[in-house]
Amino acid sequence: MSDVESVPVAARAAAILLWLVAAGWALPALWLMWWVAVRGRLPVLPYIGEPNGGPFYTAVPHDAFIILLGLSLVLGIVQVVAGVLLWDGQRSGALLQFAILPIEAAFWYGFELPIPPIFAAIRVVLVLIALPRGVERDHRRRYRRCRAVRSGSSIWTLCAAARPTNDARR
């Protein structure tokens, strides 16, 4: 884990936005999958209409639509992972959130979701701000503390110094 001071605020804000959108994908997905499977249609909600009722709903069979809702649940889980990595200041979180952006865009269009693209635009700007200021390469952050304890010739030696060996326990 990283120190609180070393992670840019922009990376933390981007992580929070990822978690908000992930909750929007994941929380209603199971309920909507059940509703469509049992009733054969999407529910109609006041002021909203049919949630996630975009081109995916009208263009694909109900079984395929349920699978797409399941994939949106998986997308939400991946966003949570990317948010955790970003919160910790790891570059892999930034790269993961950039990698899933095209998949998110396909789901925004297919489910006609107006709010997640706004959050994504803000998130991309925040990550671009955070990258040069402290979101480091994962391997540098991970092994820096081990190197300070004991230098060795391999990564295993570097990190083994942080854990007691069998000889030290006797």
Protein backbone atom coordinates (compact mmCIF):
# COMPACT_ATOMS: atom_id res chain seq x y z
CA MET A 1 0.00 0.00 0.00
CA SER A 2 1.07 3.54 -0.50
CA ASP A 3 1.30 6.45 1.86
CA VAL A 4 -1.66 8.82 1.91
CA GLU A 5 0.50 11.84 1.13
CA SER A 6 2.08 10.28 -1.96
CA VAL A 7 -1.16 9.58 -3.86
CA PRO A 8 -2.45 12.61 -5.80
CA VAL A 9 -5.89 13.91 -4.87
CA ALA A 10 -6.86 13.69 -8.55
CA ALA A 11 -6.22 9.92 -8.52
CA ARG A 12 -8.35 9.53 -5.41
CA ALA A 13 -11.17 11.60 -6.96
CA ALA A 14 -11.01 9.47 -10.12
CA ALA A 15 -11.26 6.34 -7.96
CA ILE A 16 -14.38 7.69 -6.26
CA LEU A 17 -15.96 8.41 -9.65
CA LEU A 18 -15.12 4.86 -10.76
CA TRP A 19 -16.81 3.46 -7.67
CA LEU A 20 -19.93 5.58 -8.21
CA VAL A 21 -20.31 4.39 -11.79
CA ALA A 22 -19.51 0.81 -10.74
CA ALA A 23 -22.35 0.96 -8.23
CA GLY A 24 -24.61 2.19 -11.02
CA TRP A 25 -23.65 -0.78 -13.19
CA ALA A 26 -23.53 -3.51 -10.60
CA LEU A 27 -26.32 -2.79 -8.10
CA PRO A 28 -29.30 -2.77 -10.47
CA ALA A 29 -27.89 -5.47 -12.79
CA LEU A 30 -29.00 -8.51 -10.76
CA TRP A 31 -32.44 -7.06 -10.13
CA LEU A 32 -32.92 -6.17 -13.81
CA MET A 33 -31.66 -9.59 -14.91
CA TRP A 34 -34.21 -11.24 -12.63
CA TRP A 35 -37.02 -8.91 -13.75
CA VAL A 36 -36.42 -9.52 -17.46
CA ALA A 37 -36.05 -13.28 -16.92
CA VAL A 38 -39.27 -13.57 -14.91
CA ARG A 39 -41.49 -10.99 -16.60
CA GLY A 40 -40.02 -10.84 -20.08
CA ARG A 41 -39.66 -7.06 -20.12
CA LEU A 42 -37.98 -4.20 -18.30
CA PRO A 43 -39.80 -2.48 -15.44
CA VAL A 44 -41.25 0.97 -16.02
CA LEU A 45 -40.16 3.40 -13.33
CA PRO A 46 -41.65 6.86 -12.66
CA TYR A 47 -39.67 9.73 -14.23
CA ILE A 48 -37.14 7.26 -15.68
CA GLY A 49 -39.15 4.96 -17.89
CA GLU A 50 -37.42 1.68 -18.69
CA PRO A 51 -33.98 1.59 -17.03
CA ASN A 52 -31.28 0.38 -19.43
CA GLY A 53 -33.88 0.31 -22.21
CA GLY A 54 -31.79 1.42 -25.16
CA PRO A 55 -30.83 -0.24 -28.43
CA PHE A 56 -29.65 -3.39 -26.63
CA TYR A 57 -33.16 -3.94 -25.29
CA THR A 58 -34.92 -3.38 -28.58
CA ALA A 59 -32.39 -5.05 -30.91
CA VAL A 60 -31.43 -8.27 -29.13
CA PRO A 61 -33.48 -11.18 -27.76
CA HIS A 62 -34.26 -11.19 -24.03
CA ASP A 63 -31.74 -13.96 -23.31
CA ALA A 64 -28.97 -11.93 -24.95
CA PHE A 65 -30.14 -8.83 -23.08
CA ILE A 66 -29.86 -10.70 -19.77
CA ILE A 67 -26.31 -11.72 -20.73
CA LEU A 68 -25.50 -8.07 -21.50
CA LEU A 69 -26.84 -7.08 -18.08
CA GLY A 70 -24.56 -9.75 -16.56
CA LEU A 71 -21.63 -8.28 -18.48
CA SER A 72 -22.49 -4.87 -17.06
CA LEU A 73 -22.22 -6.44 -13.60
CA VAL A 74 -18.74 -7.75 -14.51
CA LEU A 75 -17.85 -4.29 -15.83
CA GLY A 76 -18.84 -2.81 -12.47
CA ILE A 77 -16.58 -5.27 -10.65
CA VAL A 78 -13.66 -4.39 -12.94
CA GLN A 79 -14.30 -0.70 -12.26
CA VAL A 80 -14.14 -1.35 -8.52
CA VAL A 81 -10.76 -3.05 -8.99
CA ALA A 82 -9.49 -0.15 -11.11
CA GLY A 83 -10.72 2.29 -8.44
CA VAL A 84 -8.90 0.40 -5.67
CA LEU A 85 -5.68 0.44 -7.71
CA LEU A 86 -6.07 4.15 -8.44
CA TRP A 87 -6.81 4.91 -4.79
CA ASP A 88 -3.54 3.18 -3.93
CA GLY A 89 -1.71 5.30 -6.50
CA GLN A 90 -0.85 2.45 -8.85
CA ARG A 91 -0.38 3.11 -12.54
CA SER A 92 -2.13 -0.17 -13.37
CA GLY A 93 -5.39 1.36 -12.08
CA ALA A 94 -5.03 4.24 -14.52
CA LEU A 95 -4.23 1.88 -17.39
CA LEU A 96 -7.13 -0.42 -16.49
CA GLN A 97 -9.62 2.44 -16.42
CA PHE A 98 -8.37 3.58 -19.85
CA ALA A 99 -8.62 0.00 -21.16
CA ILE A 100 -12.25 -0.45 -20.13
CA LEU A 101 -13.35 2.94 -21.44
CA PRO A 102 -14.33 1.66 -24.93
CA ILE A 103 -16.33 -1.17 -23.34
CA GLU A 104 -18.07 1.34 -21.11
CA ALA A 105 -18.86 3.51 -24.14
CA ALA A 106 -20.52 0.57 -25.90
CA PHE A 107 -22.68 -0.04 -22.83
CA TRP A 108 -23.55 3.66 -22.48
CA TYR A 109 -24.88 3.62 -26.03
CA GLY A 110 -26.56 0.23 -25.79
CA PHE A 111 -28.33 0.98 -22.51
CA GLU A 112 -28.87 4.72 -23.26
CA LEU A 113 -27.14 5.95 -20.11
CA PRO A 114 -26.59 9.72 -20.00
CA ILE A 115 -24.67 10.22 -16.72
CA PRO A 116 -21.72 7.76 -16.87
CA PRO A 117 -20.12 9.46 -19.92
CA ILE A 118 -20.01 12.74 -17.99
CA PHE A 119 -18.30 11.01 -15.03
CA ALA A 120 -15.92 9.25 -17.43
CA ALA A 121 -14.84 12.52 -19.05
CA ILE A 122 -14.13 14.02 -15.63
CA ARG A 123 -12.36 10.82 -14.57
CA VAL A 124 -10.09 10.81 -17.64
CA VAL A 125 -9.07 14.41 -16.98
CA LEU A 126 -8.37 13.62 -13.32
CA VAL A 127 -6.24 10.59 -14.21
CA LEU A 128 -4.29 12.60 -16.79
CA ILE A 129 -3.64 15.22 -14.13
CA ALA A 130 -2.58 12.57 -11.59
CA LEU A 131 -0.27 10.53 -13.83
CA PRO A 132 2.70 12.91 -13.95
CA ARG A 133 2.38 13.82 -10.27
CA GLY A 134 2.76 10.58 -8.43
CA VAL A 135 0.98 7.61 -9.87
CA GLU A 136 4.10 5.51 -10.18
CA ARG A 137 4.96 2.33 -11.95
CA ASP A 138 3.81 -0.55 -9.79
CA HIS A 139 7.15 -2.33 -9.52
CA ARG A 140 8.97 0.75 -8.24
CA ARG A 141 6.42 1.38 -5.48
CA ARG A 142 6.21 -2.28 -4.49
CA TYR A 143 9.91 -2.94 -4.01
CA ARG A 144 11.16 0.42 -2.75
CA ARG A 145 10.63 -0.47 0.93
CA CYS A 146 12.23 -3.88 0.58
CA ARG A 147 15.35 -2.34 -0.95
CA ALA A 148 15.74 -0.03 2.03
CA VAL A 149 15.72 -3.01 4.37
CA ARG A 150 18.19 -5.23 2.54
CA SER A 151 19.66 -5.14 -0.93
CA GLY A 152 20.04 -8.36 -2.85
CA SER A 153 20.52 -9.70 -6.31
CA SER A 154 16.93 -10.65 -7.13
CA ILE A 155 13.39 -9.47 -6.50
CA TRP A 156 12.75 -12.47 -4.25
CA THR A 157 15.73 -11.59 -2.11
CA LEU A 158 14.61 -7.99 -1.90
CA CYS A 159 11.14 -8.84 -0.64
CA ALA A 160 12.16 -11.83 1.45
CA ALA A 161 13.92 -9.44 3.82
CA ALA A 162 10.53 -8.08 4.92
CA ARG A 163 9.32 -11.54 6.05
CA PRO A 164 11.01 -13.72 8.68
CA THR A 165 12.64 -16.82 7.22
CA ASN A 166 12.50 -20.31 8.68
CA ASP A 167 16.01 -19.84 10.14
CA ALA A 168 14.96 -16.66 11.97
CA ARG A 169 11.93 -18.35 13.56
CA ARG A 170 13.99 -21.10 15.28
